[in-house]
């Protein structure tokens, strides 16, 4: 009886703590949405909290009327889709041989990958490598240096290790090659983990900012995060002025609308992948 009571108290405390954590992430987003939909007078008077006043879409109309937004959106979409595809291909093709018992120097390769999680080549050497490869002012400069995340590699490798060996042995007896074993057995059984890791990569590419600031100077290749930075850091919206439109807007509402326009596309992907998150991470963490 006491044990049941303690478990009930523990569960209630968990619910309260998780609810507070959820509110701490949701409330700021709701506040930004309310500010982006509010009128100038109420924003300047600091009266906006969780509900818009003088409801209007003027800020969104302004942000979406700017041509640079669509160019940046297209660049971010290319970076996210192509970058995620490259990263998943590299990660899976690296994790599969590292999960095989007969793969030579497996421990040495794993040690190499783990070391890169704690130590990097440095900012200047990385920039020089990207420059020497001719990747400056190209979208490849964002995608290729981030192609492999060691943590994601370890998750997929650990899940491959957790699969029954009998499946692979039966496939070998049927004359299946390594590629066939990977594509016909391992990948179909790894969909939760694959979907989770793909989402990790996609969010990382969508939010890529520092690499774009370092390697890209062409405005035509500017991703959304850099576009957003330019709006946020310029309180008067600088060279984005388009006549008398700004007389009805404030920097706060314009910035809030830009933030929502940048965040909304990636948020739309979460409902389709969310069911794989917990299952995928737990499966990848079963066996080391």
Protein backbone atom coordinates (compact mmCIF):
# COMPACT_ATOMS: atom_id res chain seq x y z
CA UNK A 1 0.00 0.00 0.00
CA UNK A 2 2.79 2.37 0.92
CA UNK A 3 4.59 1.52 -2.31
CA UNK A 4 1.50 2.34 -4.37
CA UNK A 5 1.13 5.62 -2.53
CA UNK A 6 4.76 6.54 -3.11
CA UNK A 7 4.46 5.72 -6.80
CA UNK A 8 1.34 7.89 -7.02
CA UNK A 9 3.15 10.82 -5.38
CA UNK A 10 6.13 10.33 -7.67
CA UNK A 11 3.91 10.30 -10.77
CA UNK A 12 2.06 13.43 -9.65
CA UNK A 13 5.32 15.26 -9.04
CA UNK A 14 6.53 14.22 -12.49
CA UNK A 15 3.34 15.52 -14.07
CA UNK A 16 3.70 18.87 -12.29
CA UNK A 17 7.38 19.26 -13.17
CA UNK A 18 6.88 18.28 -16.81
CA UNK A 19 3.87 20.59 -17.09
CA UNK A 20 5.92 23.51 -15.78
CA UNK A 21 8.72 22.70 -18.21
CA UNK A 22 6.24 22.52 -21.07
CA UNK A 23 4.74 25.88 -20.11
CA UNK A 24 8.22 27.42 -19.97
CA UNK A 25 8.69 26.53 -23.64
CA UNK A 26 5.16 27.16 -24.91
CA UNK A 27 4.43 30.48 -23.19
CA UNK A 28 7.26 32.44 -24.91
CA UNK A 29 6.09 31.14 -28.30
CA UNK A 30 2.49 32.17 -27.57
CA UNK A 31 3.73 35.59 -26.49
CA UNK A 32 5.61 36.05 -29.77
CA UNK A 33 2.54 34.99 -31.77
CA UNK A 34 0.36 37.44 -29.83
CA UNK A 35 2.81 40.26 -30.42
CA UNK A 36 3.04 39.52 -34.14
CA UNK A 37 -0.75 39.81 -34.45
CA UNK A 38 -1.20 42.95 -32.35
CA UNK A 39 -1.51 46.61 -33.23
CA UNK A 40 1.22 49.21 -32.85
CA UNK A 41 -0.39 51.09 -29.95
CA UNK A 42 -0.71 48.09 -27.66
CA UNK A 43 2.78 46.82 -28.45
CA UNK A 44 4.39 50.17 -27.65
CA UNK A 45 2.36 50.34 -24.44
CA UNK A 46 3.72 46.88 -23.43
CA UNK A 47 0.19 45.53 -22.98
CA UNK A 48 0.65 42.31 -24.96
CA UNK A 49 1.18 39.06 -23.10
CA UNK A 50 -0.61 35.92 -24.33
CA UNK A 51 -3.48 37.36 -26.35
CA UNK A 52 -3.25 39.79 -29.28
CA UNK A 53 -4.96 43.18 -29.20
CA UNK A 54 -6.10 45.08 -32.28
CA UNK A 55 -5.82 41.80 -34.21
CA UNK A 56 -4.21 42.17 -37.66
CA UNK A 57 -1.83 40.44 -40.11
CA UNK A 58 0.07 43.56 -41.16
CA UNK A 59 3.42 42.27 -39.82
CA UNK A 60 3.07 38.98 -41.67
CA UNK A 61 2.05 40.73 -44.87
CA UNK A 62 5.14 42.90 -44.59
CA UNK A 63 7.56 40.02 -43.93
CA UNK A 64 6.05 37.83 -46.66
CA UNK A 65 6.13 40.69 -49.16
CA UNK A 66 9.92 40.90 -48.90
CA UNK A 67 11.61 38.98 -51.75
CA UNK A 68 14.62 38.05 -49.63
CA UNK A 69 12.37 35.96 -47.38
CA UNK A 70 11.42 33.62 -50.22
CA UNK A 71 15.02 33.35 -51.43
CA UNK A 72 16.18 32.52 -47.91
CA UNK A 73 13.31 30.08 -47.41
CA UNK A 74 14.26 28.23 -50.59
CA UNK A 75 17.92 28.10 -49.53
CA UNK A 76 17.02 26.73 -46.10
CA UNK A 77 14.71 24.16 -47.66
CA UNK A 78 17.49 22.94 -49.98
CA UNK A 79 19.98 22.81 -47.11
CA UNK A 80 17.56 20.88 -44.91
CA UNK A 81 16.36 18.33 -47.47
CA UNK A 82 19.65 17.67 -49.25
CA UNK A 83 21.73 17.95 -46.07
CA UNK A 84 19.51 15.50 -44.19
CA UNK A 85 19.64 13.01 -47.07
CA UNK A 86 23.45 13.21 -47.20
CA UNK A 87 23.78 12.94 -43.43
CA UNK A 88 21.49 9.92 -43.18
CA UNK A 89 23.33 8.15 -45.99
CA UNK A 90 26.74 8.81 -44.43
CA UNK A 91 25.58 7.94 -40.91
CA UNK A 92 23.88 4.68 -41.87
CA UNK A 93 26.75 3.57 -44.10
CA UNK A 94 29.20 4.26 -41.28
CA UNK A 95 27.08 2.68 -38.53
CA UNK A 96 26.43 -0.58 -40.40
CA UNK A 97 30.04 -1.82 -40.69
CA UNK A 98 30.81 -0.59 -37.17
CA UNK A 99 28.03 -2.85 -35.88
CA UNK A 100 29.53 -5.96 -37.51
CA UNK A 101 31.55 -8.21 -35.24
CA UNK A 102 34.05 -9.18 -37.94
CA UNK A 103 34.81 -5.60 -39.01
CA UNK A 104 38.57 -4.96 -38.50
CA UNK A 105 39.80 -2.06 -36.33
CA UNK A 106 36.23 -1.41 -35.19
CA UNK A 107 37.28 -0.13 -31.78
CA UNK A 108 39.83 2.21 -33.32
CA UNK A 109 37.27 3.74 -35.66
CA UNK A 110 34.78 4.16 -32.83
CA UNK A 111 37.43 5.86 -30.70
CA UNK A 112 38.16 8.20 -33.60
CA UNK A 113 34.49 9.19 -33.88
CA UNK A 114 34.09 9.62 -30.13
CA UNK A 115 37.14 11.91 -29.91
CA UNK A 116 35.57 14.25 -32.46
CA UNK A 117 32.62 14.72 -30.08
CA UNK A 118 34.91 16.48 -27.61
CA UNK A 119 37.63 18.01 -29.77
CA UNK A 120 37.37 19.83 -33.09
CA UNK A 121 39.94 21.08 -35.57
CA UNK A 122 39.31 24.68 -34.59
CA UNK A 123 37.54 27.58 -36.24
CA UNK A 124 40.36 28.85 -38.47
CA UNK A 125 41.59 25.42 -39.69
CA UNK A 126 38.00 24.47 -40.53
CA UNK A 127 37.52 27.69 -42.46
CA UNK A 128 40.77 27.10 -44.38
CA UNK A 129 39.69 23.55 -45.27
CA UNK A 130 36.34 24.80 -46.56
CA UNK A 131 38.10 27.51 -48.54
CA UNK A 132 40.66 25.16 -50.06
CA UNK A 133 37.87 22.82 -51.14
CA UNK A 134 36.23 25.70 -53.00
CA UNK A 135 33.05 25.56 -50.95
CA UNK A 136 32.89 29.21 -49.91
CA UNK A 137 29.71 30.98 -51.03
CA UNK A 138 27.99 27.69 -51.79
CA UNK A 139 25.29 25.81 -49.90
CA UNK A 140 27.68 22.85 -49.74
CA UNK A 141 29.72 24.76 -47.16
CA UNK A 142 26.83 24.29 -44.73
CA UNK A 143 25.86 20.74 -45.63
CA UNK A 144 29.16 18.87 -46.03
CA UNK A 145 30.99 19.95 -42.83
CA UNK A 146 27.91 18.91 -40.81
CA UNK A 147 27.31 15.67 -42.70
CA UNK A 148 28.08 13.35 -39.79
CA UNK A 149 27.19 13.76 -36.11
CA UNK A 150 29.03 11.14 -33.99
CA UNK A 151 26.23 10.99 -31.42
CA UNK A 152 23.70 10.08 -34.11
CA UNK A 153 26.14 7.52 -35.51
CA UNK A 154 26.40 5.87 -32.10
CA UNK A 155 22.63 5.72 -31.69
CA UNK A 156 22.11 3.98 -35.03
CA UNK A 157 25.08 1.65 -34.48
CA UNK A 158 23.75 0.63 -31.07
CA UNK A 159 20.36 -0.17 -32.54
CA UNK A 160 21.95 -2.27 -35.27
CA UNK A 161 23.81 -4.16 -32.54
CA UNK A 162 20.52 -4.88 -30.77
CA UNK A 163 19.03 -6.69 -33.77
CA UNK A 164 19.05 -10.52 -33.57
CA UNK A 165 22.07 -12.09 -35.23
CA UNK A 166 19.88 -14.87 -36.57
CA UNK A 167 18.34 -12.48 -39.08
CA UNK A 168 21.70 -11.71 -40.63
CA UNK A 169 22.85 -15.32 -40.52
CA UNK A 170 19.74 -16.52 -42.34
CA UNK A 171 20.21 -13.81 -44.98
CA UNK A 172 23.85 -14.83 -45.49
CA UNK A 173 22.79 -18.43 -45.92
CA UNK A 174 20.41 -17.28 -48.65
CA UNK A 175 23.33 -15.57 -50.41
CA UNK A 176 22.45 -11.98 -49.51
CA UNK A 177 25.20 -9.37 -49.85
CA UNK A 178 25.99 -6.76 -47.21
CA UNK A 179 24.08 -4.07 -49.12
CA UNK A 180 21.06 -6.35 -49.38
CA UNK A 181 21.23 -7.15 -45.67
CA UNK A 182 21.33 -3.44 -44.87
CA UNK A 183 18.52 -2.40 -47.18
CA UNK A 184 16.20 -5.40 -46.74
CA UNK A 185 16.69 -6.23 -43.04
CA UNK A 186 18.37 -3.51 -41.02
CA UNK A 187 16.72 -0.40 -42.45
CA UNK A 188 13.10 -1.67 -42.40
CA UNK A 189 13.54 -2.75 -38.77
CA UNK A 190 15.16 0.57 -37.86
CA UNK A 191 12.48 2.98 -39.06
CA UNK A 192 11.79 4.56 -35.60
CA UNK A 193 15.49 5.23 -35.04
CA UNK A 194 16.04 6.39 -38.63
CA UNK A 195 13.09 8.80 -38.44
CA UNK A 196 14.30 10.20 -35.13
CA UNK A 197 17.85 10.76 -36.32
CA UNK A 198 16.60 12.27 -39.58
CA UNK A 199 14.58 14.77 -37.56
CA UNK A 200 17.63 15.63 -35.46
CA UNK A 201 19.59 16.35 -38.62
CA UNK A 202 16.75 18.29 -40.25
CA UNK A 203 16.33 20.60 -37.26
CA UNK A 204 20.08 21.17 -37.14
CA UNK A 205 20.25 22.09 -40.82
CA UNK A 206 17.16 24.29 -40.63
CA UNK A 207 18.66 26.20 -37.71
CA UNK A 208 22.14 26.44 -39.24
CA UNK A 209 23.33 29.98 -38.64
CA UNK A 210 26.97 30.14 -37.65
CA UNK A 211 28.22 28.23 -40.70
CA UNK A 212 26.23 30.49 -43.01
CA UNK A 213 27.66 33.59 -41.34
CA UNK A 214 31.19 32.23 -41.77
CA UNK A 215 31.12 30.78 -45.26
CA UNK A 216 28.44 32.72 -47.17
CA UNK A 217 28.54 36.38 -48.14
CA UNK A 218 26.23 36.24 -51.15
CA UNK A 219 22.76 37.51 -50.19
CA UNK A 220 21.24 35.20 -52.77
CA UNK A 221 22.47 32.20 -50.75
CA UNK A 222 21.41 33.56 -47.36
CA UNK A 223 19.40 31.01 -45.29
CA UNK A 224 16.41 31.96 -43.17
CA UNK A 225 18.32 32.15 -39.90
CA UNK A 226 20.62 34.86 -41.25
CA UNK A 227 17.63 36.70 -42.67
CA UNK A 228 16.00 36.54 -39.23
CA UNK A 229 19.18 37.79 -37.56
CA UNK A 230 19.23 40.84 -39.80
CA UNK A 231 15.67 41.71 -38.82
CA UNK A 232 16.21 41.12 -35.10
CA UNK A 233 19.45 43.09 -34.87
CA UNK A 234 18.16 46.04 -36.89
CA UNK A 235 15.58 47.75 -34.68
CA UNK A 236 14.50 50.05 -37.49
CA UNK A 237 14.44 47.24 -40.10
CA UNK A 238 17.18 49.10 -42.02
CA UNK A 239 17.21 48.51 -45.77
CA UNK A 240 13.94 46.56 -45.59
CA UNK A 241 11.93 49.79 -45.65
CA UNK A 242 9.25 49.75 -48.32
CA UNK A 243 7.66 53.15 -48.30
CA UNK A 244 4.93 53.98 -45.81
CA UNK A 245 4.23 50.43 -44.68
CA UNK A 246 6.33 50.82 -41.56
CA UNK A 247 4.14 53.63 -40.28
CA UNK A 248 1.63 50.97 -39.20
CA UNK A 249 4.21 48.53 -37.79
CA UNK A 250 6.71 48.34 -34.97
CA UNK A 251 10.11 46.62 -34.93
CA UNK A 252 8.78 44.24 -32.26
CA UNK A 253 5.81 43.05 -34.32
CA UNK A 254 7.93 42.70 -37.46
CA UNK A 255 10.56 40.71 -35.60
CA UNK A 256 7.92 38.50 -33.98
CA UNK A 257 6.27 37.81 -37.34
CA UNK A 258 9.65 36.94 -38.89
CA UNK A 259 10.41 34.53 -36.02
CA UNK A 260 7.09 32.74 -36.48
CA UNK A 261 7.58 32.52 -40.26
CA UNK A 262 10.99 30.92 -39.70
CA UNK A 263 9.88 28.50 -36.96
CA UNK A 264 6.50 27.47 -38.38
CA UNK A 265 7.72 25.25 -41.28
CA UNK A 266 9.88 23.03 -39.09
CA UNK A 267 7.13 22.85 -36.45
CA UNK A 268 4.80 21.39 -39.07
CA UNK A 269 7.11 18.37 -39.41
CA UNK A 270 7.05 17.44 -35.71
CA UNK A 271 3.52 15.92 -35.57
CA UNK A 272 4.50 13.37 -38.22
CA UNK A 273 7.76 12.34 -36.50
CA UNK A 274 6.88 12.77 -32.82
CA UNK A 275 5.63 9.21 -32.35
CA UNK A 276 9.08 7.91 -33.30
CA UNK A 277 11.06 10.13 -30.90
CA UNK A 278 10.96 8.24 -27.60
CA UNK A 279 10.87 4.82 -29.25
CA UNK A 280 13.72 5.64 -31.60
CA UNK A 281 16.07 7.07 -28.97
CA UNK A 282 15.36 4.27 -26.49
CA UNK A 283 15.94 1.60 -29.10
CA UNK A 284 19.22 3.20 -30.08
CA UNK A 285 20.34 3.29 -26.46
CA UNK A 286 19.65 -0.33 -25.58
CA UNK A 287 23.02 -1.83 -26.36
CA UNK A 288 26.46 -0.23 -26.40
